[in-house]
Protein backbone atom coordinates (compact mmCIF):
# COMPACT_ATOMS: atom_id res chain seq x y z
CA MET A 1 58.89 173.40 24.10
CA ILE A 2 59.22 170.59 26.61
CA LEU A 3 58.76 166.85 26.17
CA ALA A 4 57.18 165.40 29.31
CA GLY A 5 56.90 161.71 30.00
CA ASP A 6 55.67 159.15 32.50
CA ILE A 7 57.66 155.91 32.32
CA GLY A 8 55.76 153.37 34.37
CA GLY A 9 56.14 149.66 34.89
CA THR A 10 53.45 148.95 32.28
CA ASN A 11 53.01 152.05 30.09
CA ILE A 12 54.93 155.04 28.76
CA ARG A 13 52.95 158.26 28.24
CA LEU A 14 54.55 161.17 26.39
CA ALA A 15 53.35 164.67 25.48
CA VAL A 16 54.78 167.98 24.32
CA PHE A 17 54.08 171.23 26.20
CA ASP A 18 54.67 174.87 25.34
CA LYS A 19 56.50 177.38 27.57
CA ASP A 20 53.23 178.08 29.42
CA LEU A 21 52.85 174.33 30.13
CA LYS A 22 49.86 173.97 27.79
CA ARG A 23 49.80 170.59 26.08
CA ILE A 24 50.34 170.65 22.33
CA GLY A 25 48.75 167.74 20.50
CA LYS A 26 47.82 164.38 21.92
CA VAL A 27 49.24 162.18 24.66
CA HIS A 28 51.17 159.30 23.10
CA GLN A 29 50.96 155.96 24.94
CA PHE A 30 53.14 152.88 24.47
CA LYS A 31 53.79 149.66 26.36
CA THR A 32 56.94 149.88 28.47
CA GLY A 33 58.15 146.32 27.95
CA ASN A 34 61.75 146.14 29.12
CA GLY A 35 62.31 149.82 28.32
CA SER A 36 64.79 149.09 25.53
CA ASP A 37 62.94 151.16 22.93
CA LEU A 38 62.40 154.28 25.06
CA GLU A 39 64.68 156.47 22.93
CA THR A 40 62.88 155.30 19.77
CA ARG A 41 59.51 156.22 21.30
CA LEU A 42 60.83 159.60 22.43
CA HIS A 43 62.27 160.24 18.98
CA ASP A 44 58.93 159.32 17.34
CA VAL A 45 57.09 161.85 19.50
CA LEU A 46 59.72 164.52 18.84
CA GLN A 47 59.20 164.01 15.10
CA THR A 48 55.58 165.15 15.49
CA ARG A 49 56.91 168.65 16.30
CA LYS A 50 58.90 171.06 14.15
CA ASN A 51 62.59 170.15 14.09
CA GLY A 52 64.42 171.70 17.01
CA SER A 53 61.30 173.07 18.67
CA VAL A 54 61.60 170.69 21.65
CA VAL A 55 64.85 171.35 23.51
CA ARG A 56 64.17 169.90 26.98
CA ALA A 57 62.62 166.80 28.47
CA CYS A 58 61.43 165.83 31.92
CA LEU A 59 60.75 162.13 32.37
CA ALA A 60 59.04 160.78 35.48
CA VAL A 61 60.28 157.24 36.07
CA ALA A 62 58.80 154.55 38.34
CA GLY A 63 61.78 154.12 40.59
CA PRO A 64 64.42 155.87 42.67
CA VAL A 65 66.38 158.55 40.78
CA ILE A 66 69.89 159.25 42.01
CA ASP A 67 72.17 161.69 40.16
CA GLY A 68 70.11 161.45 36.98
CA VAL A 69 70.09 157.64 36.95
CA CYS A 70 67.13 155.32 37.56
CA ALA A 71 67.01 151.50 37.55
CA PRO A 72 63.30 150.69 38.05
CA VAL A 73 62.52 147.31 39.64
CA ASN A 74 59.57 146.65 37.30
CA ILE A 75 61.26 147.53 34.00
CA GLY A 76 64.66 145.85 33.97
CA ARG A 77 66.66 148.66 32.36
CA THR A 78 68.73 151.50 33.75
CA PHE A 79 67.85 154.97 32.45
CA ARG A 80 70.51 157.69 32.38
CA ALA A 81 69.48 161.29 31.73
CA THR A 82 72.76 162.07 29.96
CA ASP A 83 72.43 159.07 27.61
CA ILE A 84 68.85 160.02 26.70
CA ARG A 85 69.86 163.66 26.20
CA ASP A 86 72.73 162.70 23.91
CA ALA A 87 70.66 160.16 21.93
CA LEU A 88 67.95 162.76 21.23
CA GLY A 89 70.18 165.81 20.81
CA LEU A 90 68.32 167.83 23.46
CA GLU A 91 69.76 170.64 25.61
CA SER A 92 68.68 168.90 28.82
CA VAL A 93 66.89 165.82 30.11
CA VAL A 94 65.83 165.51 33.73
CA LEU A 95 64.72 162.25 35.33
CA ILE A 96 62.49 162.50 38.39
CA ASN A 97 60.64 159.94 40.45
CA ASP A 98 57.11 159.46 39.08
CA LEU A 99 55.41 159.97 42.43
CA VAL A 100 57.41 163.14 43.10
CA ALA A 101 55.99 164.36 39.78
CA ASN A 102 52.47 163.40 40.92
CA ALA A 103 52.95 165.13 44.25
CA ALA A 104 54.33 168.28 42.61
CA GLY A 105 51.37 168.49 40.25
CA ILE A 106 48.54 167.52 42.58
CA GLY A 107 47.90 171.14 43.57
CA LEU A 108 47.08 171.93 39.91
CA LEU A 109 44.11 169.56 39.86
CA LYS A 110 40.63 171.04 39.75
CA LYS A 111 37.85 169.97 42.11
CA ASN A 112 36.17 167.92 39.35
CA ASP A 113 39.46 166.00 38.84
CA LEU A 114 39.21 164.56 42.36
CA VAL A 115 37.15 161.80 43.92
CA THR A 116 36.61 161.79 47.69
CA ILE A 117 37.18 158.35 49.18
CA GLN A 118 36.64 159.45 52.77
CA ARG A 119 35.93 162.94 54.04
CA GLY A 120 38.43 164.43 56.41
CA GLU A 121 39.43 167.78 57.79
CA LYS A 122 41.34 170.17 55.58
CA HIS A 123 44.63 171.33 57.10
CA HIS A 124 48.07 172.53 56.10
CA GLY A 125 50.01 169.51 57.32
CA ASN A 126 51.99 166.82 55.59
CA CYS A 127 50.30 164.58 53.00
CA ALA A 128 50.98 161.06 51.75
CA ILE A 129 50.59 160.18 48.06
CA LEU A 130 49.93 156.50 47.26
CA SER A 131 49.60 155.18 43.74
CA PRO A 132 48.88 151.48 43.27
CA GLY A 133 49.66 150.24 39.78
CA THR A 134 52.20 147.74 38.53
CA GLY A 135 53.98 148.54 41.80
CA LEU A 136 53.06 150.73 44.75
CA GLY A 137 54.31 154.27 44.27
CA GLU A 138 54.71 156.45 47.34
CA SER A 139 55.70 160.05 47.97
CA ALA A 140 54.86 162.81 50.39
CA LEU A 141 54.10 166.50 50.46
CA ILE A 142 55.88 168.06 53.42
CA TRP A 143 54.39 171.31 54.74
CA ASP A 144 57.18 173.83 55.38
CA GLY A 145 54.92 176.44 56.97
CA GLN A 146 54.12 178.16 53.68
CA GLN A 147 53.79 175.49 50.99
CA HIS A 148 53.89 171.75 50.39
CA ARG A 149 57.20 170.38 49.08
CA PRO A 150 57.26 166.99 47.32
CA ILE A 151 59.71 164.29 48.44
CA ALA A 152 60.36 160.79 47.15
CA SER A 153 59.71 157.63 49.10
CA GLU A 154 60.74 154.34 47.59
CA GLY A 155 58.45 152.00 49.50
CA GLY A 156 57.12 150.69 46.19
CA ALA A 157 60.53 149.93 44.67
CA ARG A 158 60.66 146.44 46.09
CA ALA A 159 60.88 142.98 44.58
CA VAL A 160 57.46 142.13 46.05
CA CYS A 161 55.80 144.14 43.30
CA SER A 162 54.23 142.23 40.45
CA ASP A 163 56.74 141.12 37.82
CA ASP A 164 54.23 139.78 35.31
CA ARG A 165 52.42 143.07 34.49
CA THR A 166 49.14 141.75 35.92
CA GLY A 167 48.75 144.73 38.21
CA THR A 168 48.76 142.53 41.32
CA GLY A 169 51.53 144.55 42.96
CA VAL A 170 49.40 145.76 45.88
CA ALA A 171 48.12 142.24 46.65
CA ASP A 172 51.69 140.90 46.40
CA LEU A 173 52.88 143.63 48.77
CA HIS A 174 50.09 142.81 51.24
CA ASP A 175 50.88 139.08 51.10
CA ALA A 176 54.60 139.69 51.62
CA LYS A 177 53.95 141.98 54.60
CA ALA A 178 51.39 139.54 56.00
CA GLN A 179 53.87 136.67 55.72
CA ASN A 180 56.65 138.67 57.41
CA CYS A 181 54.30 139.76 60.19
CA ASP A 182 52.66 136.34 60.62
CA VAL A 183 49.27 137.76 59.65
CA ARG A 184 46.79 134.99 58.81
CA THR A 185 44.54 136.89 56.39
CA ARG A 186 45.24 137.13 52.68
CA LEU A 187 43.70 139.34 49.99
């Protein structure tokens, strides 16, 4: 079984999946805070399964991931895949950017999971993924001629994102860009 997680600037969501990627049990949600109790939260979720049944984890983190290490702007703690693996006694832990995870999974959504904001033409080109939340997550799906491949973009990993968990990150980003570009309008 696999432990999957989304570690965002405001919330942590964790769930266990079987080898066919079917969720087992409920999604566990916790406040992120400064991220210091992540291993405790992961351990608590692992205890809901039979001992040893979960051997791997994939954690999507709101920030750039380089060589298994992520230091998210909105959390204030550095996450290391090897440290988490060792603390939990798992075979492997992989950290990936949260928007890369979103981009990789978007093709699995059903039509009733989607809401059309503006109709456009369907094509096999590149796609942008934007996710406003505590910060502004960004990624892309690059069309290689046969399939879309997710890539990270760290436009949202900036100090202009909200640091008080109010969810005003997009407005802060707009105001910062407007100020730098001498734009007179404000949100």
